[in-house]
Protein backbone atom coordinates (compact mmCIF):
# COMPACT_ATOMS: atom_id res chain seq x y z
CA MET A 1 -8.55 0.38 -0.52
CA ALA A 2 -5.76 1.11 -1.58
CA ARG A 3 -2.96 4.19 -0.66
CA ARG A 4 -3.48 7.32 -1.70
CA ALA A 5 -0.59 10.11 -1.69
CA SER A 6 -4.06 12.57 -1.88
CA HIS A 7 -6.22 12.37 -0.13
CA PRO A 8 -9.14 11.20 -1.93
CA ASP A 9 -11.46 13.68 -0.56
CA GLN A 10 -9.30 16.44 -1.99
CA LEU A 11 -9.53 15.02 -5.99
CA SER A 12 -12.65 16.42 -7.68
CA GLN A 13 -15.93 14.29 -8.34
CA GLU A 14 -15.06 13.68 -11.54
CA ALA A 15 -11.25 12.97 -10.65
CA ARG A 16 -11.94 10.10 -8.05
CA SER A 17 -15.13 9.23 -10.56
CA ALA A 18 -12.42 8.53 -13.20
CA LEU A 19 -10.03 6.84 -10.54
CA ALA A 20 -12.77 4.61 -9.92
CA ASP A 21 -13.53 3.52 -12.62
CA TYR A 22 -9.40 2.93 -13.80
CA LEU A 23 -8.90 1.65 -10.43
CA ALA A 24 -12.03 -0.63 -11.18
CA GLU A 25 -10.90 -2.08 -14.62
CA LEU A 26 -6.95 -2.61 -12.91
CA GLU A 27 -7.99 -5.17 -9.83
CA LYS A 28 -9.55 -6.92 -12.83
CA LEU A 29 -6.38 -7.56 -15.08
CA TYR A 30 -4.00 -7.49 -11.25
CA PRO A 31 -6.15 -8.61 -8.44
CA GLY A 32 -4.57 -7.22 -5.49
CA GLY A 33 -2.76 -5.22 -7.25
CA THR A 34 -4.42 -1.95 -6.32
CA LYS A 35 -4.40 -3.12 -3.30
CA LYS A 36 -1.10 -1.85 -2.28
CA CYS A 37 -0.91 0.68 -5.39
CA GLN A 38 -0.19 5.06 -4.44
CA ILE A 39 -1.67 7.42 -6.52
CA VAL A 40 0.49 10.69 -6.59
CA PRO A 41 -0.45 14.21 -8.25
CA TRP A 42 1.74 14.55 -11.85
CA PRO A 43 1.08 18.45 -11.42
CA GLU A 44 4.09 18.56 -14.46
CA TYR A 45 1.42 16.80 -16.70
CA GLY A 46 -1.50 19.91 -15.24
CA GLU A 47 -4.15 18.93 -13.12
CA GLY A 48 -5.75 15.78 -12.92
CA SER A 49 -3.01 14.14 -14.34
CA TYR A 50 -1.86 11.36 -11.63
CA LEU A 51 0.68 8.13 -11.71
CA VAL A 52 -0.74 5.17 -10.70
CA LYS A 53 2.37 3.75 -8.50
CA VAL A 54 1.69 -0.48 -8.45
CA PRO A 55 3.85 -3.39 -6.60
CA SER A 56 5.59 -4.97 -10.48
CA PRO A 57 3.99 -8.05 -11.58
CA SER A 58 5.75 -11.95 -11.26
CA THR A 59 6.97 -11.42 -14.44
CA GLU A 60 7.73 -9.16 -17.55
CA GLU A 61 5.37 -10.48 -19.84
CA LYS A 62 2.77 -9.85 -17.26
CA TRP A 63 3.51 -6.55 -17.00
CA ILE A 64 2.98 -5.82 -20.30
CA GLU A 65 -0.39 -6.88 -20.86
CA ILE A 66 -1.18 -5.40 -17.39
CA SER A 67 0.14 -2.17 -19.29
CA ALA A 68 -0.49 -2.08 -22.32
CA ARG A 69 -4.24 -3.14 -21.41
CA MET A 70 -4.05 -0.17 -18.76
CA ALA A 71 -2.85 2.73 -21.57
CA GLU A 72 -6.04 1.68 -23.40
CA VAL A 73 -8.14 2.43 -20.63
CA GLY A 74 -6.91 5.95 -19.97
CA ALA A 75 -6.74 7.19 -23.68
CA HIS A 76 -11.07 6.69 -22.90
CA ILE A 77 -10.90 8.33 -18.72
CA LEU A 78 -8.77 10.74 -20.73
CA VAL A 79 -10.65 11.40 -23.82
CA ASP A 80 -14.08 10.97 -21.11
CA SER A 81 -12.84 12.96 -18.52
CA ASP A 82 -9.50 14.92 -19.44
CA GLN A 83 -8.46 12.70 -16.70
CA LEU A 84 -4.93 11.55 -17.30
CA PHE A 85 -3.77 8.43 -15.12
CA VAL A 86 -0.13 6.05 -15.84
CA LEU A 87 0.40 3.29 -14.96
CA THR A 88 4.24 3.26 -13.49
CA VAL A 89 6.10 0.40 -11.16
């Protein structure tokens, strides 16, 4: 499971569910990337905002592909749950 700066039990049920959806999609695009990711609260953008830090992929092209797709996933999650997840290295 991914390492998290916030203990999962401290997240609301809605945040845990949204995070699970986000990480499931990330794992499809970046196998193994979720094993070393960190979830960091991002209070500057309000409650329910998190940075998802992952190890840098092997190529810049792969990073562009992953980050573009995860931006789409994150936008859908934001609309559905009001939880913001932003992928970063």
